């Protein structure tokens, strides 16, 4: 868990304007809490999608291999998307 906390801290530091963006968006979390929440949300959604697709496509071995290879791609796409939510709230 300490390793995950270090990753979250590093990601939060890579976005120096994140506290201001969160404040402007009306999100009452500090940068590390927001990144942690975003990371976990992306992880949970990726896991759910993986198992749903694995159940639906369990007859095809090739499909299962492809789904497994795409898990990191889907995770990072979702993580990036969730990180941009405050920007969308500000523009709204």
PDB file of N, CA and C in Angstrom:
ATOM      1  N   UNK A   1       0.816  -1.190   0.000  1.00  0.00           N
ATOM      2  CA  UNK A   1       0.000   0.000   0.000  1.00  0.00           C
ATOM      3  C   UNK A   1       0.862   1.258   0.000  1.00  0.00           C
ATOM      4  N   UNK A   2       2.032   1.183   0.620  1.00  0.00           N
ATOM      5  CA  UNK A   2       2.931   2.338   0.638  1.00  0.00           C
ATOM      6  C   UNK A   2       3.408   2.659  -0.778  1.00  0.00           C
ATOM      7  N   UNK A   3       3.605   1.615  -1.587  1.00  0.00           N
ATOM      8  CA  UNK A   3       4.023   1.823  -2.971  1.00  0.00           C
ATOM      9  C   UNK A   3       2.957   2.581  -3.755  1.00  0.00           C
ATOM     10  N   UNK A   4       1.706   2.188  -3.558  1.00  0.00           N
ATOM     11  CA  UNK A   4       0.595   2.866  -4.222  1.00  0.00           C
ATOM     12  C   UNK A   4       0.495   4.315  -3.762  1.00  0.00           C
ATOM     13  N   UNK A   5       0.715   4.557  -2.482  1.00  0.00           N
ATOM     14  CA  UNK A   5       0.669   5.917  -1.954  1.00  0.00           C
ATOM     15  C   UNK A   5       1.762   6.787  -2.585  1.00  0.00           C
ATOM     16  N   UNK A   6       2.942   6.214  -2.796  1.00  0.00           N
ATOM     17  CA  UNK A   6       4.030   6.953  -3.449  1.00  0.00           C
ATOM     18  C   UNK A   6       3.669   7.309  -4.885  1.00  0.00           C
ATOM     19  N   UNK A   7       3.050   6.379  -5.579  1.00  0.00           N
ATOM     20  CA  UNK A   7       2.629   6.638  -6.962  1.00  0.00           C
ATOM     21  C   UNK A   7       1.602   7.758  -6.993  1.00  0.00           C
ATOM     22  N   UNK A   8       0.645   7.711  -6.088  1.00  0.00           N
ATOM     23  CA  UNK A   8      -0.398   8.738  -6.031  1.00  0.00           C
ATOM     24  C   UNK A   8       0.210  10.102  -5.731  1.00  0.00           C
ATOM     25  N   UNK A   9       1.161  10.165  -4.813  1.00  0.00           N
ATOM     26  CA  UNK A   9       1.822  11.426  -4.490  1.00  0.00           C
ATOM     27  C   UNK A   9       2.589  11.966  -5.691  1.00  0.00           C
ATOM     28  N   UNK A  10       3.279  11.092  -6.406  1.00  0.00           N
ATOM     29  CA  UNK A  10       4.022  11.533  -7.593  1.00  0.00           C
ATOM     30  C   UNK A  10       3.094  12.056  -8.676  1.00  0.00           C
ATOM     31  N   UNK A  11       1.979  11.385  -8.881  1.00  0.00           N
ATOM     32  CA  UNK A  11       1.022  11.836  -9.891  1.00  0.00           C
ATOM     33  C   UNK A  11       0.437  13.183  -9.486  1.00  0.00           C
ATOM     34  N   UNK A  12       0.095  13.335  -8.223  1.00  0.00           N
ATOM     35  CA  UNK A  12      -0.476  14.601  -7.747  1.00  0.00           C
ATOM     36  C   UNK A  12       0.522  15.743  -7.914  1.00  0.00           C
ATOM     37  N   UNK A  13       1.806  15.475  -7.724  1.00  0.00           N
ATOM     38  CA  UNK A  13       2.833  16.509  -7.881  1.00  0.00           C
ATOM     39  C   UNK A  13       3.051  16.879  -9.337  1.00  0.00           C
ATOM     40  N   UNK A  14       2.717  15.977 -10.251  1.00  0.00           N
ATOM     41  CA  UNK A  14       2.883  16.268 -11.678  1.00  0.00           C
ATOM     42  C   UNK A  14       1.831  17.246 -12.203  1.00  0.00           C
ATOM     43  N   UNK A  15       0.810  17.481 -11.419  1.00  0.00           N
ATOM     44  CA  UNK A  15      -0.237  18.432 -11.775  1.00  0.00           C
ATOM     45  C   UNK A  15      -0.240  19.553 -10.743  1.00  0.00           C
ATOM     46  N   UNK A  16       0.675  20.514 -10.864  1.00  0.00           N
ATOM     47  CA  UNK A  16       0.790  21.546  -9.830  1.00  0.00           C
ATOM     48  C   UNK A  16      -0.444  22.442  -9.719  1.00  0.00           C
ATOM     49  N   UNK A  17      -1.200  22.583 -10.781  1.00  0.00           N
ATOM     50  CA  UNK A  17      -2.390  23.421 -10.745  1.00  0.00           C
ATOM     51  C   UNK A  17      -3.643  22.688 -10.307  1.00  0.00           C
ATOM     52  N   UNK A  18      -3.511  21.429  -9.951  1.00  0.00           N
ATOM     53  CA  UNK A  18      -4.679  20.618  -9.606  1.00  0.00           C
ATOM     54  C   UNK A  18      -5.465  21.152  -8.409  1.00  0.00           C
ATOM     55  N   UNK A  19      -4.823  21.606  -7.331  1.00  0.00           N
ATOM     56  CA  UNK A  19      -5.622  22.145  -6.214  1.00  0.00           C
ATOM     57  C   UNK A  19      -6.510  23.317  -6.630  1.00  0.00           C
ATOM     58  N   UNK A  20      -5.984  24.206  -7.463  1.00  0.00           N
ATOM     59  CA  UNK A  20      -6.783  25.343  -7.937  1.00  0.00           C
ATOM     60  C   UNK A  20      -7.938  24.867  -8.819  1.00  0.00           C
ATOM     61  N   UNK A  21      -7.662  23.923  -9.689  1.00  0.00           N
ATOM     62  CA  UNK A  21      -8.704  23.391 -10.571  1.00  0.00           C
ATOM     63  C   UNK A  21      -9.805  22.721  -9.756  1.00  0.00           C
ATOM     64  N   UNK A  22      -9.418  21.951  -8.745  1.00  0.00           N
ATOM     65  CA  UNK A  22     -10.410  21.294  -7.893  1.00  0.00           C
ATOM     66  C   UNK A  22     -11.262  22.321  -7.161  1.00  0.00           C
ATOM     67  N   UNK A  23     -10.623  23.374  -6.688  1.00  0.00           N
ATOM     68  CA  UNK A  23     -11.370  24.432  -5.996  1.00  0.00           C
ATOM     69  C   UNK A  23     -12.348  25.118  -6.947  1.00  0.00           C
ATOM     70  N   UNK A  24     -11.894  25.439  -8.153  1.00  0.00           N
ATOM     71  CA  UNK A  24     -12.759  26.087  -9.139  1.00  0.00           C
ATOM     72  C   UNK A  24     -13.925  25.192  -9.543  1.00  0.00           C
ATOM     73  N   UNK A  25     -13.699  23.893  -9.551  1.00  0.00           N
ATOM     74  CA  UNK A  25     -14.747  22.949  -9.935  1.00  0.00           C
ATOM     75  C   UNK A  25     -15.703  22.649  -8.785  1.00  0.00           C
ATOM     76  N   UNK A  26     -15.360  23.122  -7.583  1.00  0.00           N
ATOM     77  CA  UNK A  26     -16.219  22.874  -6.431  1.00  0.00           C
ATOM     78  C   UNK A  26     -16.020  21.508  -5.806  1.00  0.00           C
ATOM     79  N   UNK A  27     -14.877  20.903  -6.059  1.00  0.00           N
ATOM     80  CA  UNK A  27     -14.566  19.591  -5.498  1.00  0.00           C
ATOM     81  C   UNK A  27     -13.779  19.816  -4.216  1.00  0.00           C
ATOM     82  N   UNK A  28     -14.302  19.339  -3.119  1.00  0.00           N
ATOM     83  CA  UNK A  28     -13.699  19.606  -1.817  1.00  0.00           C
ATOM     84  C   UNK A  28     -12.765  18.468  -1.389  1.00  0.00           C
ATOM     85  N   UNK A  29     -11.770  18.225  -2.200  1.00  0.00           N
ATOM     86  CA  UNK A  29     -10.746  17.226  -1.897  1.00  0.00           C
ATOM     87  C   UNK A  29      -9.402  17.857  -2.202  1.00  0.00           C
ATOM     88  N   UNK A  30      -8.367  17.398  -1.492  1.00  0.00           N
ATOM     89  CA  UNK A  30      -7.039  17.867  -1.884  1.00  0.00           C
ATOM     90  C   UNK A  30      -6.576  17.041  -3.082  1.00  0.00           C
ATOM     91  N   UNK A  31      -5.446  17.413  -3.658  1.00  0.00           N
ATOM     92  CA  UNK A  31      -4.992  16.787  -4.901  1.00  0.00           C
ATOM     93  C   UNK A  31      -4.740  15.289  -4.720  1.00  0.00           C
ATOM     94  N   UNK A  32      -4.116  14.913  -3.614  1.00  0.00           N
ATOM     95  CA  UNK A  32      -3.823  13.490  -3.396  1.00  0.00           C
ATOM     96  C   UNK A  32      -5.094  12.666  -3.219  1.00  0.00           C
ATOM     97  N   UNK A  33      -6.064  13.197  -2.500  1.00  0.00           N
ATOM     98  CA  UNK A  33      -7.329  12.472  -2.327  1.00  0.00           C
ATOM     99  C   UNK A  33      -8.028  12.300  -3.665  1.00  0.00           C
ATOM    100  N   UNK A  34      -8.021  13.350  -4.476  1.00  0.00           N
ATOM    101  CA  UNK A  34      -8.667  13.283  -5.780  1.00  0.00           C
ATOM    102  C   UNK A  34      -7.979  12.257  -6.676  1.00  0.00           C
ATOM    103  N   UNK A  35      -6.646  12.272  -6.695  1.00  0.00           N
ATOM    104  CA  UNK A  35      -5.904  11.314  -7.523  1.00  0.00           C
ATOM    105  C   UNK A  35      -6.159   9.895  -7.024  1.00  0.00           C
ATOM    106  N   UNK A  36      -6.180   9.696  -5.708  1.00  0.00           N
ATOM    107  CA  UNK A  36      -6.459   8.365  -5.140  1.00  0.00           C
ATOM    108  C   UNK A  36      -7.847   7.889  -5.551  1.00  0.00           C
ATOM    109  N   UNK A  37      -8.820   8.769  -5.435  1.00  0.00           N
ATOM    110  CA  UNK A  37     -10.197   8.419  -5.815  1.00  0.00           C
ATOM    111  C   UNK A  37     -10.270   8.102  -7.314  1.00  0.00           C
ATOM    112  N   UNK A  38      -9.595   8.899  -8.123  1.00  0.00           N
ATOM    113  CA  UNK A  38      -9.581   8.689  -9.562  1.00  0.00           C
ATOM    114  C   UNK A  38      -8.915   7.363  -9.914  1.00  0.00           C
ATOM    115  N   UNK A  39      -7.795   7.085  -9.263  1.00  0.00           N
ATOM    116  CA  UNK A  39      -7.064   5.834  -9.493  1.00  0.00           C
ATOM    117  C   UNK A  39      -7.941   4.628  -9.158  1.00  0.00           C
ATOM    118  N   UNK A  40      -8.580   4.669  -8.001  1.00  0.00           N
ATOM    119  CA  UNK A  40      -9.431   3.553  -7.590  1.00  0.00           C
ATOM    120  C   UNK A  40     -10.647   3.404  -8.492  1.00  0.00           C
ATOM    121  N   UNK A  41     -11.242   4.511  -8.897  1.00  0.00           N
ATOM    122  CA  UNK A  41     -12.392   4.442  -9.807  1.00  0.00           C
ATOM    123  C   UNK A  41     -12.007   3.799 -11.131  1.00  0.00           C
ATOM    124  N   UNK A  42     -10.866   4.203 -11.674  1.00  0.00           N
ATOM    125  CA  UNK A  42     -10.402   3.616 -12.934  1.00  0.00           C
ATOM    126  C   UNK A  42     -10.097   2.133 -12.753  1.00  0.00           C
ATOM    127  N   UNK A  43      -9.500   1.777 -11.628  1.00  0.00           N
ATOM    128  CA  UNK A  43      -9.181   0.369 -11.358  1.00  0.00           C
ATOM    129  C   UNK A  43     -10.456  -0.466 -11.253  1.00  0.00           C
ATOM    130  N   UNK A  44     -11.422   0.011 -10.486  1.00  0.00           N
ATOM    131  CA  UNK A  44     -12.662  -0.749 -10.315  1.00  0.00           C
ATOM    132  C   UNK A  44     -13.412  -0.903 -11.635  1.00  0.00           C
ATOM    133  N   UNK A  45     -13.517   0.173 -12.400  1.00  0.00           N
ATOM    134  CA  UNK A  45     -14.242   0.102 -13.664  1.00  0.00           C
ATOM    135  C   UNK A  45     -13.524  -0.809 -14.660  1.00  0.00           C
ATOM    136  N   UNK A  46     -12.212  -0.747 -14.699  1.00  0.00           N
ATOM    137  CA  UNK A  46     -11.446  -1.632 -15.576  1.00  0.00           C
ATOM    138  C   UNK A  46     -11.651  -3.089 -15.193  1.00  0.00           C
ATOM    139  N   UNK A  47     -11.634  -3.370 -13.896  1.00  0.00           N
ATOM    140  CA  UNK A  47     -11.828  -4.737 -13.422  1.00  0.00           C
ATOM    141  C   UNK A  47     -13.217  -5.254 -13.781  1.00  0.00           C
ATOM    142  N   UNK A  48     -14.227  -4.437 -13.583  1.00  0.00           N
ATOM    143  CA  UNK A  48     -15.600  -4.826 -13.913  1.00  0.00           C
ATOM    144  C   UNK A  48     -15.737  -5.090 -15.409  1.00  0.00           C
ATOM    145  N   UNK A  49     -15.197  -4.184 -16.231  1.00  0.00           N
ATOM    146  CA  UNK A  49     -15.270  -4.373 -17.681  1.00  0.00           C
ATOM    147  C   UNK A  49     -14.543  -5.645 -18.109  1.00  0.00           C
ATOM    148  N   UNK A  50     -13.391  -5.895 -17.510  1.00  0.00           N
ATOM    149  CA  UNK A  50     -12.633  -7.104 -17.853  1.00  0.00           C
ATOM    150  C   UNK A  50     -13.449  -8.360 -17.571  1.00  0.00           C
ATOM    151  N   UNK A  51     -14.023  -8.437 -16.373  1.00  0.00           N
ATOM    152  CA  UNK A  51     -14.764  -9.650 -16.033  1.00  0.00           C
ATOM    153  C   UNK A  51     -16.051  -9.785 -16.841  1.00  0.00           C
ATOM    154  N   UNK A  52     -16.718  -8.692 -17.119  1.00  0.00           N
ATOM    155  CA  UNK A  52     -17.922  -8.773 -17.956  1.00  0.00           C
ATOM    156  C   UNK A  52     -17.578  -9.262 -19.361  1.00  0.00           C
ATOM    157  N   UNK A  53     -16.546  -8.686 -19.952  1.00  0.00           N
ATOM    158  CA  UNK A  53     -16.148  -9.122 -21.290  1.00  0.00           C
ATOM    159  C   UNK A  53     -15.612 -10.550 -21.273  1.00  0.00           C
ATOM    160  N   UNK A  54     -14.913 -10.925 -20.212  1.00  0.00           N
ATOM    161  CA  UNK A  54     -14.405 -12.296 -20.115  1.00  0.00           C
ATOM    162  C   UNK A  54     -15.556 -13.297 -20.044  1.00  0.00           C
ATOM    163  N   UNK A  55     -16.600 -12.947 -19.324  1.00  0.00           N
ATOM    164  CA  UNK A  55     -17.766 -13.833 -19.237  1.00  0.00           C
ATOM    165  C   UNK A  55     -18.469 -13.915 -20.583  1.00  0.00           C
ATOM    166  N   UNK A  56     -18.656 -12.763 -21.226  1.00  0.00           N
ATOM    167  CA  UNK A  56     -19.367 -12.753 -22.504  1.00  0.00           C
ATOM    168  C   UNK A  56     -18.580 -13.432 -23.624  1.00  0.00           C
ATOM    169  N   UNK A  57     -17.261 -13.299 -23.588  1.00  0.00           N
ATOM    170  CA  UNK A  57     -16.437 -13.834 -24.674  1.00  0.00           C
ATOM    171  C   UNK A  57     -15.610 -15.037 -24.239  1.00  0.00           C
ATOM    172  N   UNK A  58     -16.079 -15.762 -23.251  1.00  0.00           N
ATOM    173  CA  UNK A  58     -15.293 -16.863 -22.690  1.00  0.00           C
ATOM    174  C   UNK A  58     -15.108 -18.027 -23.664  1.00  0.00           C
ATOM    175  N   UNK A  59     -15.868 -18.088 -24.712  1.00  0.00           N
ATOM    176  CA  UNK A  59     -15.739 -19.184 -25.676  1.00  0.00           C
ATOM    177  C   UNK A  59     -14.508 -19.029 -26.564  1.00  0.00           C
ATOM    178  N   UNK A  60     -14.042 -17.804 -26.717  1.00  0.00           N
ATOM    179  CA  UNK A  60     -12.928 -17.536 -27.612  1.00  0.00           C
ATOM    180  C   UNK A  60     -11.645 -17.259 -26.827  1.00  0.00           C
ATOM    181  N   UNK A  61     -10.659 -18.115 -26.990  1.00  0.00           N
ATOM    182  CA  UNK A  61      -9.380 -17.932 -26.300  1.00  0.00           C
ATOM    183  C   UNK A  61      -8.677 -16.675 -26.792  1.00  0.00           C
ATOM    184  N   UNK A  62      -8.753 -16.414 -28.102  1.00  0.00           N
ATOM    185  CA  UNK A  62      -8.103 -15.236 -28.661  1.00  0.00           C
ATOM    186  C   UNK A  62      -8.698 -13.965 -28.079  1.00  0.00           C
ATOM    187  N   UNK A  63     -10.006 -13.939 -27.924  1.00  0.00           N
ATOM    188  CA  UNK A  63     -10.661 -12.765 -27.353  1.00  0.00           C
ATOM    189  C   UNK A  63     -10.211 -12.527 -25.911  1.00  0.00           C
ATOM    190  N   UNK A  64     -10.053 -13.586 -25.143  1.00  0.00           N
ATOM    191  CA  UNK A  64      -9.599 -13.446 -23.763  1.00  0.00           C
ATOM    192  C   UNK A  64      -8.179 -12.910 -23.700  1.00  0.00           C
ATOM    193  N   UNK A  65      -7.328 -13.361 -24.614  1.00  0.00           N
ATOM    194  CA  UNK A  65      -5.951 -12.861 -24.656  1.00  0.00           C
ATOM    195  C   UNK A  65      -5.952 -11.378 -25.021  1.00  0.00           C
ATOM    196  N   UNK A  66      -6.744 -11.007 -26.003  1.00  0.00           N
ATOM    197  CA  UNK A  66      -6.815  -9.598 -26.408  1.00  0.00           C
ATOM    198  C   UNK A  66      -7.360  -8.712 -25.300  1.00  0.00           C
ATOM    199  N   UNK A  67      -8.382  -9.181 -24.618  1.00  0.00           N
ATOM    200  CA  UNK A  67      -8.946  -8.418 -23.499  1.00  0.00           C
ATOM    201  C   UNK A  67      -7.891  -8.221 -22.414  1.00  0.00           C
ATOM    202  N   UNK A  68      -7.153  -9.266 -22.114  1.00  0.00           N
ATOM    203  CA  UNK A  68      -6.111  -9.191 -21.088  1.00  0.00           C
ATOM    204  C   UNK A  68      -5.018  -8.204 -21.486  1.00  0.00           C
ATOM    205  N   UNK A  69      -4.647  -8.187 -22.747  1.00  0.00           N
ATOM    206  CA  UNK A  69      -3.627  -7.251 -23.212  1.00  0.00           C
ATOM    207  C   UNK A  69      -4.117  -5.809 -23.205  1.00  0.00           C
ATOM    208  N   UNK A  70      -5.416  -5.615 -23.361  1.00  0.00           N
ATOM    209  CA  UNK A  70      -5.967  -4.264 -23.406  1.00  0.00           C
ATOM    210  C   UNK A  70      -6.274  -3.674 -22.026  1.00  0.00           C
ATOM    211  N   UNK A  71      -6.186  -4.466 -20.980  1.00  0.00           N
ATOM    212  CA  UNK A  71      -6.502  -3.981 -19.634  1.00  0.00           C
ATOM    213  C   UNK A  71      -5.681  -2.749 -19.259  1.00  0.00           C
ATOM    214  N   UNK A  72      -4.351  -2.741 -19.445  1.00  0.00           N
ATOM    215  CA  UNK A  72      -3.610  -1.530 -19.074  1.00  0.00           C
ATOM    216  C   UNK A  72      -4.000  -0.309 -19.906  1.00  0.00           C
ATOM    217  N   UNK A  73      -4.283  -0.529 -21.171  1.00  0.00           N
ATOM    218  CA  UNK A  73      -4.688   0.581 -22.039  1.00  0.00           C
ATOM    219  C   UNK A  73      -6.003   1.185 -21.548  1.00  0.00           C
ATOM    220  N   UNK A  74      -6.962   0.330 -21.256  1.00  0.00           N
ATOM    221  CA  UNK A  74      -8.266   0.798 -20.769  1.00  0.00           C
ATOM    222  C   UNK A  74      -8.111   1.514 -19.432  1.00  0.00           C
ATOM    223  N   UNK A  75      -7.277   0.963 -18.551  1.00  0.00           N
ATOM    224  CA  UNK A  75      -7.069   1.596 -17.245  1.00  0.00           C
ATOM    225  C   UNK A  75      -6.530   3.011 -17.409  1.00  0.00           C
ATOM    226  N   UNK A  76      -5.480   3.185 -18.215  1.00  0.00           N
ATOM    227  CA  UNK A  76      -4.887   4.517 -18.366  1.00  0.00           C
ATOM    228  C   UNK A  76      -5.821   5.478 -19.092  1.00  0.00           C
ATOM    229  N   UNK A  77      -6.614   4.973 -20.011  1.00  0.00           N
ATOM    230  CA  UNK A  77      -7.598   5.839 -20.672  1.00  0.00           C
ATOM    231  C   UNK A  77      -8.653   6.326 -19.672  1.00  0.00           C
ATOM    232  N   UNK A  78      -9.152   5.423 -18.852  1.00  0.00           N
ATOM    233  CA  UNK A  78     -10.140   5.807 -17.851  1.00  0.00           C
ATOM    234  C   UNK A  78      -9.542   6.747 -16.805  1.00  0.00           C
ATOM    235  N   UNK A  79      -8.329   6.466 -16.386  1.00  0.00           N
ATOM    236  CA  UNK A  79      -7.663   7.313 -15.413  1.00  0.00           C
ATOM    237  C   UNK A  79      -7.502   8.733 -15.951  1.00  0.00           C
ATOM    238  N   UNK A  80      -7.053   8.844 -17.194  1.00  0.00           N
ATOM    239  CA  UNK A  80      -6.920  10.160 -17.822  1.00  0.00           C
ATOM    240  C   UNK A  80      -8.257  10.863 -17.974  1.00  0.00           C
ATOM    241  N   UNK A  81      -9.272  10.106 -18.326  1.00  0.00           N
ATOM    242  CA  UNK A  81     -10.611  10.686 -18.465  1.00  0.00           C
ATOM    243  C   UNK A  81     -11.113  11.219 -17.126  1.00  0.00           C
ATOM    244  N   UNK A  82     -10.974  10.408 -16.074  1.00  0.00           N
ATOM    245  CA  UNK A  82     -11.448  10.831 -14.756  1.00  0.00           C
ATOM    246  C   UNK A  82     -10.663  12.019 -14.221  1.00  0.00           C
ATOM    247  N   UNK A  83      -9.384  12.132 -14.591  1.00  0.00           N
ATOM    248  CA  UNK A  83      -8.597  13.287 -14.161  1.00  0.00           C
ATOM    249  C   UNK A  83      -9.096  14.573 -14.802  1.00  0.00           C
ATOM    250  N   UNK A  84      -9.743  14.481 -15.938  1.00  0.00           N
ATOM    251  CA  UNK A  84     -10.231  15.666 -16.665  1.00  0.00           C
ATOM    252  C   UNK A  84     -11.638  16.096 -16.246  1.00  0.00           C
ATOM    253  N   UNK A  85     -12.265  15.368 -15.373  1.00  0.00           N
ATOM    254  CA  UNK A  85     -13.617  15.714 -14.939  1.00  0.00           C
ATOM    255  C   UNK A  85     -13.697  17.117 -14.329  1.00  0.00           C
ATOM    256  N   UNK A  86     -12.746  17.534 -13.476  1.00  0.00           N
ATOM    257  CA  UNK A  86     -12.827  18.900 -12.943  1.00  0.00           C
ATOM    258  C   UNK A  86     -12.785  19.970 -14.037  1.00  0.00           C
ATOM    259  N   UNK A  87     -12.004  19.736 -15.084  1.00  0.00           N
ATOM    260  CA  UNK A  87     -11.962  20.698 -16.197  1.00  0.00           C
ATOM    261  C   UNK A  87     -13.330  20.831 -16.846  1.00  0.00           C
ATOM    262  N   UNK A  88     -14.020  19.710 -17.015  1.00  0.00           N
ATOM    263  CA  UNK A  88     -15.355  19.740 -17.598  1.00  0.00           C
ATOM    264  C   UNK A  88     -16.349  20.455 -16.685  1.00  0.00           C
ATOM    265  N   UNK A  89     -16.205  20.261 -15.381  1.00  0.00           N
ATOM    266  CA  UNK A  89     -17.100  20.941 -14.436  1.00  0.00           C
ATOM    267  C   UNK A  89     -16.883  22.447 -14.437  1.00  0.00           C
ATOM    268  N   UNK A  90     -15.645  22.869 -14.628  1.00  0.00           N
ATOM    269  CA  UNK A  90     -15.350  24.305 -14.680  1.00  0.00           C
ATOM    270  C   UNK A  90     -15.973  24.915 -15.927  1.00  0.00           C
ATOM    271  N   UNK A  91     -15.849  24.246 -17.058  1.00  0.00           N
ATOM    272  CA  UNK A  91     -16.375  24.774 -18.319  1.00  0.00           C
ATOM    273  C   UNK A  91     -17.886  24.764 -18.367  1.00  0.00           C
ATOM    274  N   UNK A  92     -18.480  23.941 -17.532  1.00  0.00           N
ATOM    275  CA  UNK A  92     -19.936  23.838 -17.500  1.00  0.00           C
ATOM    276  C   UNK A  92     -20.489  25.087 -16.887  1.00  0.00           C
TER     277      UNK A  92
END
